[in-house]
């Protein structure tokens, strides 16, 4: 069991959730306000995507990231900033003519996914550690070994801590290869992403198997989607990990009750403390994750 738990709140994500809940933040102002709300509720880390303020569609615009970060910092809120670098990997193909890309494709090279990280130098950025059949249909997430090596090398040069997003066991195998090649620094930080079709299922035995494969000394967290989000808080803590909640992964506090990011964090704090663990403050999270102290 983990006795000192870091809670991450994934604020908005890139999924088609904006029209499913009024609480999903869209504009930089809303995303920043939601980050402050989550931090006040007990989250030491906020995981940030941005969206087109007009349409709610996912975006890679560095200007939007910059505005969110600036707004958070202006409030004086002490929270660890984790910016996604996973955008730019979406490939939607015509199943009958697979070389034809369909609407919804946003596919760029590994380094082209990092301009906002290079500009803003957050505490953490994500690195999605492999390709995946992403849900039903013909939607693929593309992150090849060459892309990952290039991205890991650049993130290392920037002095940013990569959070290694693991959607299946082969991706964990490759992340360990990056470590063996010297492209990752200790302590390695893993996010075990469960229940995303068609990656690792949200089954306790699968999570235990993945935890068993982690390199020695790694810091790790895990999450699962939808109604499994809160049970997974307990699963993660009991297996020695940290936790992630938030509207990126789940829109409900209970059946029929729409959640806010703050309410989800409060529930995660409650579960963690009922298990007998303590919730890590941002400064302690920085120490555990090997991050620089806040300036």
C-alpha atoms as a PDB file:
ATOM      1  CA  UNK A   1       0.000   0.000   0.000  1.00  0.00           C
ATOM      2  CA  UNK A   2       1.073   3.566  -0.672  1.00  0.00           C
ATOM      3  CA  UNK A   3       0.944   5.686   2.473  1.00  0.00           C
ATOM      4  CA  UNK A   4       1.629   9.025   0.739  1.00  0.00           C
ATOM      5  CA  UNK A   5      -0.561   9.569  -2.303  1.00  0.00           C
ATOM      6  CA  UNK A   6      -0.303  12.162  -5.060  1.00  0.00           C
ATOM      7  CA  UNK A   7      -3.667  13.040  -6.591  1.00  0.00           C
ATOM      8  CA  UNK A   8      -3.677  14.239 -10.194  1.00  0.00           C
ATOM      9  CA  UNK A   9      -6.743  15.881 -11.713  1.00  0.00           C
ATOM     10  CA  UNK A  10      -7.129  15.548 -15.505  1.00  0.00           C
ATOM     11  CA  UNK A  11      -9.203  18.624 -16.174  1.00  0.00           C
ATOM     12  CA  UNK A  12     -10.758  18.349 -19.635  1.00  0.00           C
ATOM     13  CA  UNK A  13      -9.040  15.925 -22.023  1.00  0.00           C
ATOM     14  CA  UNK A  14      -9.640  15.758 -25.744  1.00  0.00           C
ATOM     15  CA  UNK A  15     -12.726  13.571 -25.896  1.00  0.00           C
ATOM     16  CA  UNK A  16     -16.162  14.524 -27.197  1.00  0.00           C
ATOM     17  CA  UNK A  17     -17.462  15.356 -23.724  1.00  0.00           C
ATOM     18  CA  UNK A  18     -18.205  19.067 -23.934  1.00  0.00           C
ATOM     19  CA  UNK A  19     -21.827  18.510 -24.950  1.00  0.00           C
ATOM     20  CA  UNK A  20     -22.315  15.745 -22.385  1.00  0.00           C
ATOM     21  CA  UNK A  21     -21.664  17.835 -19.289  1.00  0.00           C
ATOM     22  CA  UNK A  22     -21.836  21.572 -18.566  1.00  0.00           C
ATOM     23  CA  UNK A  23     -18.912  21.201 -16.172  1.00  0.00           C
ATOM     24  CA  UNK A  24     -16.265  20.266 -18.768  1.00  0.00           C
ATOM     25  CA  UNK A  25     -14.026  23.347 -19.044  1.00  0.00           C
ATOM     26  CA  UNK A  26     -13.405  24.672 -22.557  1.00  0.00           C
ATOM     27  CA  UNK A  27     -11.892  28.165 -22.576  1.00  0.00           C
ATOM     28  CA  UNK A  28      -8.482  28.942 -21.045  1.00  0.00           C
ATOM     29  CA  UNK A  29     -10.266  30.896 -18.321  1.00  0.00           C
ATOM     30  CA  UNK A  30     -12.495  27.918 -17.499  1.00  0.00           C
ATOM     31  CA  UNK A  31      -9.631  25.413 -17.584  1.00  0.00           C
ATOM     32  CA  UNK A  32      -7.493  27.564 -15.299  1.00  0.00           C
ATOM     33  CA  UNK A  33     -10.388  28.078 -12.885  1.00  0.00           C
ATOM     34  CA  UNK A  34     -10.982  24.327 -12.833  1.00  0.00           C
ATOM     35  CA  UNK A  35      -7.294  23.773 -12.080  1.00  0.00           C
ATOM     36  CA  UNK A  36      -7.502  26.107  -9.094  1.00  0.00           C
ATOM     37  CA  UNK A  37     -10.684  24.352  -7.928  1.00  0.00           C
ATOM     38  CA  UNK A  38      -8.990  20.950  -8.164  1.00  0.00           C
ATOM     39  CA  UNK A  39      -5.904  22.170  -6.308  1.00  0.00           C
ATOM     40  CA  UNK A  40      -8.037  23.660  -3.551  1.00  0.00           C
ATOM     41  CA  UNK A  41      -9.800  20.301  -3.201  1.00  0.00           C
ATOM     42  CA  UNK A  42      -6.511  18.436  -2.728  1.00  0.00           C
ATOM     43  CA  UNK A  43      -4.972  17.737  -6.133  1.00  0.00           C
ATOM     44  CA  UNK A  44      -1.199  18.204  -6.122  1.00  0.00           C
ATOM     45  CA  UNK A  45      -1.000  17.891  -9.936  1.00  0.00           C
ATOM     46  CA  UNK A  46      -3.257  19.140 -12.727  1.00  0.00           C
ATOM     47  CA  UNK A  47      -3.093  17.481 -16.143  1.00  0.00           C
ATOM     48  CA  UNK A  48      -3.915  19.993 -18.865  1.00  0.00           C
ATOM     49  CA  UNK A  49      -5.318  19.721 -22.370  1.00  0.00           C
ATOM     50  CA  UNK A  50      -6.668  22.748 -24.208  1.00  0.00           C
ATOM     51  CA  UNK A  51      -9.671  23.148 -26.504  1.00  0.00           C
ATOM     52  CA  UNK A  52     -10.774  25.553 -29.192  1.00  0.00           C
ATOM     53  CA  UNK A  53     -12.714  28.159 -27.189  1.00  0.00           C
ATOM     54  CA  UNK A  54     -15.343  28.480 -29.922  1.00  0.00           C
ATOM     55  CA  UNK A  55     -16.031  24.830 -30.758  1.00  0.00           C
ATOM     56  CA  UNK A  56     -14.735  22.853 -27.804  1.00  0.00           C
ATOM     57  CA  UNK A  57     -12.664  20.693 -30.161  1.00  0.00           C
ATOM     58  CA  UNK A  58      -9.233  19.528 -28.959  1.00  0.00           C
ATOM     59  CA  UNK A  59      -6.353  21.833 -29.852  1.00  0.00           C
ATOM     60  CA  UNK A  60      -2.556  21.921 -29.944  1.00  0.00           C
ATOM     61  CA  UNK A  61      -2.328  25.738 -30.015  1.00  0.00           C
ATOM     62  CA  UNK A  62       0.609  26.828 -27.812  1.00  0.00           C
ATOM     63  CA  UNK A  63      -1.073  30.182 -27.227  1.00  0.00           C
ATOM     64  CA  UNK A  64      -3.963  28.466 -25.457  1.00  0.00           C
ATOM     65  CA  UNK A  65      -1.587  26.489 -23.236  1.00  0.00           C
ATOM     66  CA  UNK A  66       0.296  29.679 -22.434  1.00  0.00           C
ATOM     67  CA  UNK A  67      -2.899  31.454 -21.420  1.00  0.00           C
ATOM     68  CA  UNK A  68      -3.998  28.600 -19.163  1.00  0.00           C
ATOM     69  CA  UNK A  69      -0.604  28.433 -17.446  1.00  0.00           C
ATOM     70  CA  UNK A  70      -0.438  32.204 -17.024  1.00  0.00           C
ATOM     71  CA  UNK A  71      -3.925  32.350 -15.520  1.00  0.00           C
ATOM     72  CA  UNK A  72      -3.115  29.589 -13.029  1.00  0.00           C
ATOM     73  CA  UNK A  73       0.121  31.263 -11.983  1.00  0.00           C
ATOM     74  CA  UNK A  74      -1.590  34.627 -11.609  1.00  0.00           C
ATOM     75  CA  UNK A  75      -3.800  33.168  -8.868  1.00  0.00           C
ATOM     76  CA  UNK A  76      -0.746  32.150  -6.826  1.00  0.00           C
ATOM     77  CA  UNK A  77      -2.063  28.585  -6.603  1.00  0.00           C
ATOM     78  CA  UNK A  78       0.607  26.046  -5.715  1.00  0.00           C
ATOM     79  CA  UNK A  79       0.050  23.093  -8.037  1.00  0.00           C
ATOM     80  CA  UNK A  80       2.279  20.925 -10.242  1.00  0.00           C
ATOM     81  CA  UNK A  81       1.646  21.571 -13.945  1.00  0.00           C
ATOM     82  CA  UNK A  82       1.411  18.549 -16.231  1.00  0.00           C
ATOM     83  CA  UNK A  83       0.826  19.454 -19.895  1.00  0.00           C
ATOM     84  CA  UNK A  84      -0.239  16.813 -22.366  1.00  0.00           C
ATOM     85  CA  UNK A  85       2.086  16.192 -25.292  1.00  0.00           C
ATOM     86  CA  UNK A  86      -0.117  13.482 -26.720  1.00  0.00           C
ATOM     87  CA  UNK A  87      -2.006  15.623 -29.205  1.00  0.00           C
ATOM     88  CA  UNK A  88      -0.993  15.125 -32.828  1.00  0.00           C
ATOM     89  CA  UNK A  89      -1.166  11.342 -32.876  1.00  0.00           C
ATOM     90  CA  UNK A  90      -4.678  10.803 -34.228  1.00  0.00           C
ATOM     91  CA  UNK A  91      -5.077   8.921 -37.497  1.00  0.00           C
ATOM     92  CA  UNK A  92      -8.509   8.052 -38.877  1.00  0.00           C
ATOM     93  CA  UNK A  93      -8.351   5.868 -41.966  1.00  0.00           C
ATOM     94  CA  UNK A  94     -10.811   4.694 -44.578  1.00  0.00           C
ATOM     95  CA  UNK A  95     -11.084   0.939 -43.844  1.00  0.00           C
ATOM     96  CA  UNK A  96     -11.549   0.176 -47.534  1.00  0.00           C
ATOM     97  CA  UNK A  97      -8.740   2.487 -48.664  1.00  0.00           C
ATOM     98  CA  UNK A  98      -6.425   2.567 -45.640  1.00  0.00           C
ATOM     99  CA  UNK A  99      -3.934   5.018 -47.170  1.00  0.00           C
ATOM    100  CA  UNK A 100      -6.717   7.621 -47.249  1.00  0.00           C
ATOM    101  CA  UNK A 101      -6.983   9.784 -44.130  1.00  0.00           C
ATOM    102  CA  UNK A 102     -10.458  10.759 -42.954  1.00  0.00           C
ATOM    103  CA  UNK A 103     -11.664  13.843 -41.012  1.00  0.00           C
ATOM    104  CA  UNK A 104     -10.524  13.710 -37.424  1.00  0.00           C
ATOM    105  CA  UNK A 105      -6.924  12.985 -38.391  1.00  0.00           C
ATOM    106  CA  UNK A 106      -4.355  15.151 -36.624  1.00  0.00           C
ATOM    107  CA  UNK A 107      -1.043  13.416 -37.173  1.00  0.00           C
ATOM    108  CA  UNK A 108       2.355  15.075 -36.810  1.00  0.00           C
ATOM    109  CA  UNK A 109       5.859  13.934 -35.870  1.00  0.00           C
ATOM    110  CA  UNK A 110       7.056  13.438 -32.335  1.00  0.00           C
ATOM    111  CA  UNK A 111       8.879  16.764 -32.103  1.00  0.00           C
ATOM    112  CA  UNK A 112       5.916  18.659 -33.555  1.00  0.00           C
ATOM    113  CA  UNK A 113       3.915  17.612 -30.494  1.00  0.00           C
ATOM    114  CA  UNK A 114       6.223  19.585 -28.179  1.00  0.00           C
ATOM    115  CA  UNK A 115       6.213  23.338 -29.079  1.00  0.00           C
ATOM    116  CA  UNK A 116       4.158  24.298 -26.016  1.00  0.00           C
ATOM    117  CA  UNK A 117       6.436  22.210 -23.800  1.00  0.00           C
ATOM    118  CA  UNK A 118       9.516  23.909 -25.247  1.00  0.00           C
ATOM    119  CA  UNK A 119       7.968  27.336 -24.672  1.00  0.00           C
ATOM    120  CA  UNK A 120       6.452  26.864 -21.217  1.00  0.00           C
ATOM    121  CA  UNK A 121       8.795  24.275 -19.614  1.00  0.00           C
ATOM    122  CA  UNK A 122       6.148  22.749 -17.336  1.00  0.00           C
ATOM    123  CA  UNK A 123       7.003  20.509 -14.406  1.00  0.00           C
ATOM    124  CA  UNK A 124       5.739  17.456 -16.328  1.00  0.00           C
ATOM    125  CA  UNK A 125       4.619  16.590 -19.838  1.00  0.00           C
ATOM    126  CA  UNK A 126       3.151  13.328 -21.038  1.00  0.00           C
ATOM    127  CA  UNK A 127       4.725  10.856 -23.439  1.00  0.00           C
ATOM    128  CA  UNK A 128       2.283   8.301 -24.875  1.00  0.00           C
ATOM    129  CA  UNK A 129       4.422   5.199 -25.158  1.00  0.00           C
ATOM    130  CA  UNK A 130       3.012   3.401 -28.185  1.00  0.00           C
ATOM    131  CA  UNK A 131       0.406   3.093 -30.896  1.00  0.00           C
ATOM    132  CA  UNK A 132      -3.097   1.805 -30.239  1.00  0.00           C
ATOM    133  CA  UNK A 133      -6.399   0.896 -31.883  1.00  0.00           C
ATOM    134  CA  UNK A 134      -8.267   3.750 -30.219  1.00  0.00           C
ATOM    135  CA  UNK A 135     -11.846   2.634 -29.750  1.00  0.00           C
ATOM    136  CA  UNK A 136     -14.067   1.041 -32.362  1.00  0.00           C
ATOM    137  CA  UNK A 137     -14.014   2.010 -35.998  1.00  0.00           C
ATOM    138  CA  UNK A 138     -10.802   3.003 -37.752  1.00  0.00           C
ATOM    139  CA  UNK A 139      -9.311   5.516 -35.326  1.00  0.00           C
ATOM    140  CA  UNK A 140      -5.651   4.890 -34.471  1.00  0.00           C
ATOM    141  CA  UNK A 141      -3.316   6.609 -32.065  1.00  0.00           C
ATOM    142  CA  UNK A 142       0.157   6.657 -33.619  1.00  0.00           C
ATOM    143  CA  UNK A 143       3.331   6.868 -31.553  1.00  0.00           C
ATOM    144  CA  UNK A 144       6.120   4.864 -33.149  1.00  0.00           C
ATOM    145  CA  UNK A 145       9.456   3.888 -31.558  1.00  0.00           C
ATOM    146  CA  UNK A 146      11.284   6.489 -33.686  1.00  0.00           C
ATOM    147  CA  UNK A 147       8.807   9.202 -32.653  1.00  0.00           C
ATOM    148  CA  UNK A 148       9.137   8.211 -29.018  1.00  0.00           C
ATOM    149  CA  UNK A 149      12.922   8.226 -29.024  1.00  0.00           C
ATOM    150  CA  UNK A 150      12.951  11.681 -30.608  1.00  0.00           C
ATOM    151  CA  UNK A 151      10.351  12.997 -28.171  1.00  0.00           C
ATOM    152  CA  UNK A 152      12.008  11.486 -25.100  1.00  0.00           C
ATOM    153  CA  UNK A 153      15.397  12.883 -26.106  1.00  0.00           C
ATOM    154  CA  UNK A 154      13.978  16.399 -26.564  1.00  0.00           C
ATOM    155  CA  UNK A 155      12.024  16.310 -23.296  1.00  0.00           C
ATOM    156  CA  UNK A 156      15.184  15.186 -21.516  1.00  0.00           C
ATOM    157  CA  UNK A 157      17.135  18.087 -23.061  1.00  0.00           C
ATOM    158  CA  UNK A 158      14.476  20.519 -21.822  1.00  0.00           C
ATOM    159  CA  UNK A 159      14.737  19.249 -18.262  1.00  0.00           C
ATOM    160  CA  UNK A 160      11.019  18.429 -18.130  1.00  0.00           C
ATOM    161  CA  UNK A 161       9.885  15.242 -16.382  1.00  0.00           C
ATOM    162  CA  UNK A 162       8.018  12.930 -18.775  1.00  0.00           C
ATOM    163  CA  UNK A 163       4.985  11.115 -17.457  1.00  0.00           C
ATOM    164  CA  UNK A 164       5.006   7.853 -19.398  1.00  0.00           C
ATOM    165  CA  UNK A 165       1.454   7.080 -20.508  1.00  0.00           C
ATOM    166  CA  UNK A 166       1.038   3.302 -20.691  1.00  0.00           C
ATOM    167  CA  UNK A 167      -2.063   1.932 -22.404  1.00  0.00           C
ATOM    168  CA  UNK A 168      -0.943  -1.688 -22.717  1.00  0.00           C
ATOM    169  CA  UNK A 169       1.828  -4.018 -21.595  1.00  0.00           C
ATOM    170  CA  UNK A 170       3.923  -3.701 -24.771  1.00  0.00           C
ATOM    171  CA  UNK A 171       4.100   0.042 -24.206  1.00  0.00           C
ATOM    172  CA  UNK A 172       5.507  -0.565 -20.728  1.00  0.00           C
ATOM    173  CA  UNK A 173       8.091  -2.891 -22.279  1.00  0.00           C
ATOM    174  CA  UNK A 174       9.150  -0.128 -24.697  1.00  0.00           C
ATOM    175  CA  UNK A 175       9.254   2.533 -21.967  1.00  0.00           C
ATOM    176  CA  UNK A 176      11.749   0.340 -20.125  1.00  0.00           C
ATOM    177  CA  UNK A 177      13.753   0.190 -23.348  1.00  0.00           C
ATOM    178  CA  UNK A 178      13.872   4.011 -23.409  1.00  0.00           C
ATOM    179  CA  UNK A 179      15.199   3.891 -19.857  1.00  0.00           C
ATOM    180  CA  UNK A 180      17.844   1.326 -20.847  1.00  0.00           C
ATOM    181  CA  UNK A 181      18.938   3.589 -23.716  1.00  0.00           C
ATOM    182  CA  UNK A 182      19.459   6.528 -21.347  1.00  0.00           C
ATOM    183  CA  UNK A 183      16.561   8.567 -22.749  1.00  0.00           C
ATOM    184  CA  UNK A 184      14.763   8.757 -19.404  1.00  0.00           C
ATOM    185  CA  UNK A 185      16.069  10.065 -16.095  1.00  0.00           C
ATOM    186  CA  UNK A 186      15.298   8.695 -12.642  1.00  0.00           C
ATOM    187  CA  UNK A 187      12.884   8.651 -11.054  1.00  0.00           C
ATOM    188  CA  UNK A 188      10.745   7.427 -13.935  1.00  0.00           C
ATOM    189  CA  UNK A 189       7.085   8.420 -13.666  1.00  0.00           C
ATOM    190  CA  UNK A 190       4.436   6.111 -15.121  1.00  0.00           C
ATOM    191  CA  UNK A 191       0.713   6.573 -15.663  1.00  0.00           C
ATOM    192  CA  UNK A 192      -1.028   3.219 -16.166  1.00  0.00           C
ATOM    193  CA  UNK A 193      -4.109   3.971 -18.270  1.00  0.00           C
ATOM    194  CA  UNK A 194      -6.775   1.294 -17.908  1.00  0.00           C
ATOM    195  CA  UNK A 195     -10.054   0.593 -19.640  1.00  0.00           C
ATOM    196  CA  UNK A 196      -9.421   2.577 -22.839  1.00  0.00           C
ATOM    197  CA  UNK A 197     -10.682   0.473 -25.768  1.00  0.00           C
ATOM    198  CA  UNK A 198      -8.648  -1.374 -26.947  1.00  0.00           C
ATOM    199  CA  UNK A 199      -5.788  -1.180 -24.524  1.00  0.00           C
ATOM    200  CA  UNK A 200      -5.340  -2.750 -21.100  1.00  0.00           C
ATOM    201  CA  UNK A 201      -8.698  -3.654 -19.527  1.00  0.00           C
ATOM    202  CA  UNK A 202      -9.644  -2.262 -16.141  1.00  0.00           C
ATOM    203  CA  UNK A 203      -9.098  -5.518 -14.285  1.00  0.00           C
ATOM    204  CA  UNK A 204      -7.251  -5.640 -10.950  1.00  0.00           C
ATOM    205  CA  UNK A 205      -5.140  -8.584 -12.046  1.00  0.00           C
ATOM    206  CA  UNK A 206      -3.970  -6.726 -15.140  1.00  0.00           C
ATOM    207  CA  UNK A 207      -2.998  -3.710 -13.052  1.00  0.00           C
ATOM    208  CA  UNK A 208      -1.060  -5.942 -10.660  1.00  0.00           C
ATOM    209  CA  UNK A 209       0.777  -7.516 -13.610  1.00  0.00           C
ATOM    210  CA  UNK A 210       1.739  -4.121 -14.973  1.00  0.00           C
ATOM    211  CA  UNK A 211       2.913  -2.939 -11.557  1.00  0.00           C
ATOM    212  CA  UNK A 212       5.086  -6.052 -11.346  1.00  0.00           C
ATOM    213  CA  UNK A 213       6.789  -5.025 -14.601  1.00  0.00           C
ATOM    214  CA  UNK A 214       7.691  -1.487 -13.506  1.00  0.00           C
ATOM    215  CA  UNK A 215      11.387  -0.641 -13.129  1.00  0.00           C
ATOM    216  CA  UNK A 216      12.751  -0.474  -9.612  1.00  0.00           C
ATOM    217  CA  UNK A 217      12.254   2.912  -7.987  1.00  0.00           C
ATOM    218  CA  UNK A 218       9.575   4.078 -10.431  1.00  0.00           C
ATOM    219  CA  UNK A 219       6.818   6.389  -9.288  1.00  0.00           C
ATOM    220  CA  UNK A 220       3.464   5.415 -10.759  1.00  0.00           C
ATOM    221  CA  UNK A 221      -0.207   6.208 -10.832  1.00  0.00           C
ATOM    222  CA  UNK A 222      -3.165   4.598 -12.503  1.00  0.00           C
ATOM    223  CA  UNK A 223      -6.672   5.498 -13.567  1.00  0.00           C
ATOM    224  CA  UNK A 224      -9.697   3.852 -15.152  1.00  0.00           C
ATOM    225  CA  UNK A 225     -12.614   5.311 -17.079  1.00  0.00           C
ATOM    226  CA  UNK A 226     -16.189   6.088 -16.134  1.00  0.00           C
ATOM    227  CA  UNK A 227     -17.738   4.291 -13.196  1.00  0.00           C
ATOM    228  CA  UNK A 228     -14.422   2.528 -12.507  1.00  0.00           C
ATOM    229  CA  UNK A 229     -12.664   5.820 -11.695  1.00  0.00           C
ATOM    230  CA  UNK A 230     -13.268   5.780  -7.953  1.00  0.00           C
ATOM    231  CA  UNK A 231     -12.761   2.021  -7.442  1.00  0.00           C
ATOM    232  CA  UNK A 232      -9.463   2.537  -9.237  1.00  0.00           C
ATOM    233  CA  UNK A 233      -8.406   5.124  -6.688  1.00  0.00           C
ATOM    234  CA  UNK A 234      -8.538   2.367  -4.088  1.00  0.00           C
ATOM    235  CA  UNK A 235      -6.899  -0.185  -6.418  1.00  0.00           C
ATOM    236  CA  UNK A 236      -3.984   2.134  -7.068  1.00  0.00           C
ATOM    237  CA  UNK A 237      -3.395   3.101  -3.457  1.00  0.00           C
ATOM    238  CA  UNK A 238      -3.572  -0.501  -2.263  1.00  0.00           C
ATOM    239  CA  UNK A 239      -1.042  -1.609  -4.887  1.00  0.00           C
ATOM    240  CA  UNK A 240       1.389   1.161  -3.921  1.00  0.00           C
ATOM    241  CA  UNK A 241       0.589   3.845  -6.468  1.00  0.00           C
ATOM    242  CA  UNK A 242      -0.749   7.340  -6.868  1.00  0.00           C
ATOM    243  CA  UNK A 243      -4.115   8.240  -8.398  1.00  0.00           C
ATOM    244  CA  UNK A 244      -5.741  10.276 -11.129  1.00  0.00           C
ATOM    245  CA  UNK A 245      -9.311  11.512 -11.347  1.00  0.00           C
ATOM    246  CA  UNK A 246     -11.010  14.239 -13.365  1.00  0.00           C
ATOM    247  CA  UNK A 247     -13.483  15.045 -16.099  1.00  0.00           C
ATOM    248  CA  UNK A 248     -11.128  13.810 -18.823  1.00  0.00           C
ATOM    249  CA  UNK A 249     -11.933  10.266 -17.711  1.00  0.00           C
ATOM    250  CA  UNK A 250     -15.310  10.396 -15.970  1.00  0.00           C
ATOM    251  CA  UNK A 251     -18.259  12.824 -15.953  1.00  0.00           C
ATOM    252  CA  UNK A 252     -20.225  11.484 -12.971  1.00  0.00           C
ATOM    253  CA  UNK A 253     -19.895  11.638  -9.200  1.00  0.00           C
ATOM    254  CA  UNK A 254     -22.596   8.961  -8.847  1.00  0.00           C
ATOM    255  CA  UNK A 255     -25.312   7.556 -11.063  1.00  0.00           C
ATOM    256  CA  UNK A 256     -27.101  10.474 -12.729  1.00  0.00           C
ATOM    257  CA  UNK A 257     -25.095  13.110 -10.828  1.00  0.00           C
ATOM    258  CA  UNK A 258     -22.770  15.169 -13.004  1.00  0.00           C
ATOM    259  CA  UNK A 259     -19.412  15.863 -11.383  1.00  0.00           C
ATOM    260  CA  UNK A 260     -17.061  18.807 -11.258  1.00  0.00           C
ATOM    261  CA  UNK A 261     -13.315  18.390 -11.093  1.00  0.00           C
ATOM    262  CA  UNK A 262     -13.323  19.681  -7.547  1.00  0.00           C
ATOM    263  CA  UNK A 263     -15.952  17.159  -6.446  1.00  0.00           C
ATOM    264  CA  UNK A 264     -14.028  14.273  -8.032  1.00  0.00           C
ATOM    265  CA  UNK A 265     -10.853  15.308  -6.223  1.00  0.00           C
ATOM    266  CA  UNK A 266     -12.723  15.606  -2.938  1.00  0.00           C
ATOM    267  CA  UNK A 267     -14.035  12.046  -3.382  1.00  0.00           C
ATOM    268  CA  UNK A 268     -10.530  10.776  -4.168  1.00  0.00           C
ATOM    269  CA  UNK A 269      -9.189  12.488  -1.036  1.00  0.00           C
ATOM    270  CA  UNK A 270     -11.923  10.842   1.025  1.00  0.00           C
ATOM    271  CA  UNK A 271     -11.182   7.352  -0.343  1.00  0.00           C
ATOM    272  CA  UNK A 272      -7.442   7.810   0.141  1.00  0.00           C
ATOM    273  CA  UNK A 273      -7.789   8.931   3.734  1.00  0.00           C
ATOM    274  CA  UNK A 274     -10.324   6.208   4.576  1.00  0.00           C
ATOM    275  CA  UNK A 275      -7.693   3.691   3.466  1.00  0.00           C
ATOM    276  CA  UNK A 276      -5.329   5.209   6.030  1.00  0.00           C
ATOM    277  CA  UNK A 277      -3.062   7.057   3.587  1.00  0.00           C
ATOM    278  CA  UNK A 278      -2.220  10.752   3.496  1.00  0.00           C
ATOM    279  CA  UNK A 279      -2.623  13.056   0.510  1.00  0.00           C
ATOM    280  CA  UNK A 280       0.626  14.627  -0.664  1.00  0.00           C
ATOM    281  CA  UNK A 281       0.814  18.412  -0.939  1.00  0.00           C
ATOM    282  CA  UNK A 282       2.417  19.931  -4.076  1.00  0.00           C
ATOM    283  CA  UNK A 283       5.856  20.389  -2.504  1.00  0.00           C
ATOM    284  CA  UNK A 284       5.913  16.778  -1.351  1.00  0.00           C
ATOM    285  CA  UNK A 285       4.725  15.641  -4.783  1.00  0.00           C
ATOM    286  CA  UNK A 286       7.644  17.506  -6.354  1.00  0.00           C
ATOM    287  CA  UNK A 287      10.064  15.719  -4.052  1.00  0.00           C
ATOM    288  CA  UNK A 288       8.571  12.284  -4.773  1.00  0.00           C
ATOM    289  CA  UNK A 289       8.588  12.858  -8.536  1.00  0.00           C
ATOM    290  CA  UNK A 290      12.072  14.339  -8.656  1.00  0.00           C
ATOM    291  CA  UNK A 291      10.891  17.790  -9.753  1.00  0.00           C
ATOM    292  CA  UNK A 292      12.561  21.095  -9.058  1.00  0.00           C
ATOM    293  CA  UNK A 293      11.157  23.026  -6.081  1.00  0.00           C
ATOM    294  CA  UNK A 294       8.699  25.735  -7.006  1.00  0.00           C
ATOM    295  CA  UNK A 295      10.473  28.979  -7.878  1.00  0.00           C
END
